[in-house]
N, C-alpha and C. Protein backbone atom coordinates (compact mmCIF):
# COMPACT_ATOMS: atom_id res chain seq x y z
N UNK A 1 22.06 0.38 9.08
CA UNK A 1 20.90 0.78 8.30
C UNK A 1 20.72 -0.22 7.15
N UNK A 2 19.50 -0.60 6.89
CA UNK A 2 19.19 -1.51 5.79
C UNK A 2 18.65 -0.71 4.62
N UNK A 3 18.97 -1.18 3.44
CA UNK A 3 18.50 -0.53 2.23
C UNK A 3 17.53 -1.43 1.50
N UNK A 4 16.61 -0.84 0.80
CA UNK A 4 15.62 -1.59 0.04
C UNK A 4 16.29 -2.11 -1.23
N UNK A 5 16.05 -3.37 -1.51
CA UNK A 5 16.58 -3.97 -2.72
C UNK A 5 15.42 -4.38 -3.60
N UNK A 6 15.47 -4.00 -4.86
CA UNK A 6 14.42 -4.36 -5.80
C UNK A 6 14.77 -5.70 -6.43
N UNK A 7 14.03 -6.73 -6.06
CA UNK A 7 14.32 -8.07 -6.55
C UNK A 7 13.58 -8.40 -7.83
N UNK A 8 12.45 -7.75 -8.04
CA UNK A 8 11.66 -8.01 -9.24
C UNK A 8 10.99 -6.72 -9.69
N UNK A 9 11.07 -6.45 -10.98
CA UNK A 9 10.41 -5.27 -11.54
C UNK A 9 8.92 -5.60 -11.73
N UNK A 10 8.07 -4.79 -11.12
CA UNK A 10 6.63 -5.03 -11.20
C UNK A 10 6.00 -4.27 -12.36
N UNK A 11 6.78 -3.54 -13.13
CA UNK A 11 6.25 -2.80 -14.26
C UNK A 11 6.02 -1.34 -13.91
N UNK A 12 5.52 -0.61 -14.90
CA UNK A 12 5.22 0.81 -14.72
C UNK A 12 3.71 0.98 -14.70
N UNK A 13 3.25 1.87 -13.85
CA UNK A 13 1.82 2.08 -13.68
C UNK A 13 1.53 3.58 -13.70
N UNK A 14 0.43 3.94 -14.31
CA UNK A 14 0.00 5.34 -14.32
C UNK A 14 -0.47 5.76 -12.94
N UNK A 15 -0.95 4.82 -12.16
CA UNK A 15 -1.46 5.09 -10.82
C UNK A 15 -1.07 3.91 -9.93
N UNK A 16 -1.22 4.08 -8.65
CA UNK A 16 -0.89 3.03 -7.70
C UNK A 16 -1.75 1.79 -7.96
N UNK A 17 -1.13 0.63 -8.21
CA UNK A 17 -1.90 -0.60 -8.39
C UNK A 17 -2.30 -1.14 -7.01
N UNK A 18 -3.47 -0.72 -6.55
CA UNK A 18 -3.88 -1.01 -5.17
C UNK A 18 -3.84 -2.49 -4.82
N UNK A 19 -4.33 -3.35 -5.71
CA UNK A 19 -4.34 -4.77 -5.41
C UNK A 19 -2.95 -5.32 -5.19
N UNK A 20 -2.03 -4.95 -6.06
CA UNK A 20 -0.64 -5.38 -5.94
C UNK A 20 -0.01 -4.81 -4.68
N UNK A 21 -0.22 -3.53 -4.45
CA UNK A 21 0.37 -2.84 -3.30
C UNK A 21 -0.12 -3.43 -1.97
N UNK A 22 -1.44 -3.48 -1.80
CA UNK A 22 -1.98 -3.96 -0.52
C UNK A 22 -1.78 -5.46 -0.34
N UNK A 23 -1.82 -6.22 -1.43
CA UNK A 23 -1.57 -7.66 -1.33
C UNK A 23 -0.16 -7.94 -0.84
N UNK A 24 0.81 -7.22 -1.41
CA UNK A 24 2.20 -7.40 -0.98
C UNK A 24 2.39 -6.91 0.46
N UNK A 25 1.82 -5.78 0.77
CA UNK A 25 1.92 -5.23 2.12
C UNK A 25 1.38 -6.22 3.15
N UNK A 26 0.26 -6.85 2.85
CA UNK A 26 -0.35 -7.80 3.78
C UNK A 26 0.50 -9.08 3.90
N UNK A 27 1.12 -9.52 2.80
CA UNK A 27 1.98 -10.71 2.87
C UNK A 27 3.25 -10.44 3.70
N UNK A 28 3.82 -9.26 3.54
CA UNK A 28 5.08 -8.94 4.21
C UNK A 28 4.87 -8.49 5.65
N UNK A 29 3.78 -7.78 5.90
CA UNK A 29 3.51 -7.25 7.24
C UNK A 29 2.13 -7.68 7.73
N UNK A 30 1.90 -8.97 7.94
CA UNK A 30 0.55 -9.41 8.34
C UNK A 30 0.08 -8.81 9.66
N UNK A 31 1.02 -8.48 10.55
CA UNK A 31 0.63 -7.90 11.83
C UNK A 31 -0.06 -6.54 11.67
N UNK A 32 0.22 -5.85 10.59
CA UNK A 32 -0.44 -4.56 10.36
C UNK A 32 -1.93 -4.73 10.05
N UNK A 33 -2.30 -5.92 9.57
CA UNK A 33 -3.68 -6.16 9.17
C UNK A 33 -4.46 -6.97 10.20
N UNK A 34 -3.83 -7.25 11.33
CA UNK A 34 -4.50 -8.00 12.39
C UNK A 34 -5.62 -7.15 12.99
N UNK A 35 -6.64 -7.82 13.47
CA UNK A 35 -7.77 -7.10 14.09
C UNK A 35 -7.26 -6.29 15.27
N UNK A 36 -7.67 -5.05 15.35
CA UNK A 36 -7.26 -4.17 16.43
C UNK A 36 -5.98 -3.41 16.16
N UNK A 37 -5.35 -3.67 15.02
CA UNK A 37 -4.11 -2.98 14.68
C UNK A 37 -4.38 -1.50 14.46
N UNK A 38 -3.52 -0.62 14.99
CA UNK A 38 -3.71 0.81 14.75
C UNK A 38 -3.68 1.16 13.26
N UNK A 39 -2.94 0.41 12.47
CA UNK A 39 -2.87 0.63 11.03
C UNK A 39 -4.25 0.49 10.40
N UNK A 40 -5.05 -0.43 10.90
CA UNK A 40 -6.36 -0.68 10.31
C UNK A 40 -7.39 0.37 10.71
N UNK A 41 -7.07 1.23 11.66
CA UNK A 41 -8.01 2.27 12.06
C UNK A 41 -8.09 3.39 11.03
N UNK A 42 -7.03 3.55 10.24
CA UNK A 42 -7.01 4.59 9.21
C UNK A 42 -7.72 4.10 7.96
N UNK A 43 -7.72 4.93 6.96
CA UNK A 43 -8.37 4.59 5.69
C UNK A 43 -7.43 4.98 4.55
N UNK A 44 -6.37 4.22 4.38
CA UNK A 44 -5.38 4.53 3.37
C UNK A 44 -5.99 4.51 1.97
N UNK A 45 -6.85 3.55 1.71
CA UNK A 45 -7.50 3.49 0.39
C UNK A 45 -8.34 4.74 0.15
N UNK A 46 -9.09 5.14 1.16
CA UNK A 46 -9.91 6.34 1.04
C UNK A 46 -9.06 7.59 0.87
N UNK A 47 -7.95 7.66 1.60
CA UNK A 47 -7.05 8.80 1.48
C UNK A 47 -6.44 8.87 0.08
N UNK A 48 -6.04 7.72 -0.46
CA UNK A 48 -5.47 7.68 -1.81
C UNK A 48 -6.49 8.11 -2.84
N UNK A 49 -7.72 7.66 -2.67
CA UNK A 49 -8.79 8.02 -3.61
C UNK A 49 -9.07 9.53 -3.56
N UNK A 50 -9.16 10.07 -2.35
CA UNK A 50 -9.44 11.49 -2.19
C UNK A 50 -8.29 12.33 -2.78
N UNK A 51 -7.07 11.87 -2.60
CA UNK A 51 -5.92 12.58 -3.14
C UNK A 51 -5.95 12.57 -4.66
N UNK A 52 -6.30 11.43 -5.24
CA UNK A 52 -6.39 11.31 -6.70
C UNK A 52 -7.48 12.23 -7.26
N UNK A 53 -8.62 12.30 -6.56
CA UNK A 53 -9.71 13.18 -7.01
C UNK A 53 -9.29 14.65 -6.94
N UNK A 54 -8.57 14.99 -5.89
CA UNK A 54 -8.16 16.39 -5.71
C UNK A 54 -7.14 16.79 -6.78
N UNK A 55 -6.35 15.83 -7.23
CA UNK A 55 -5.31 16.13 -8.22
C UNK A 55 -5.88 16.24 -9.63
N UNK A 56 -7.08 15.68 -9.84
CA UNK A 56 -7.64 15.69 -11.20
C UNK A 56 -8.50 16.91 -11.47
């Protein structure tokens, strides 16, 4: 089993920093963002936004 190692502290955020999150995700897992990828069929940004609205 592999464990996640934190190599750099990205700071503290009141909410998910979408640009930082999705930018890193795309750099590390480019296959997830390829055309036709099942990951791209969902709407994670929309889900996060709807969840934030529901919590407020």
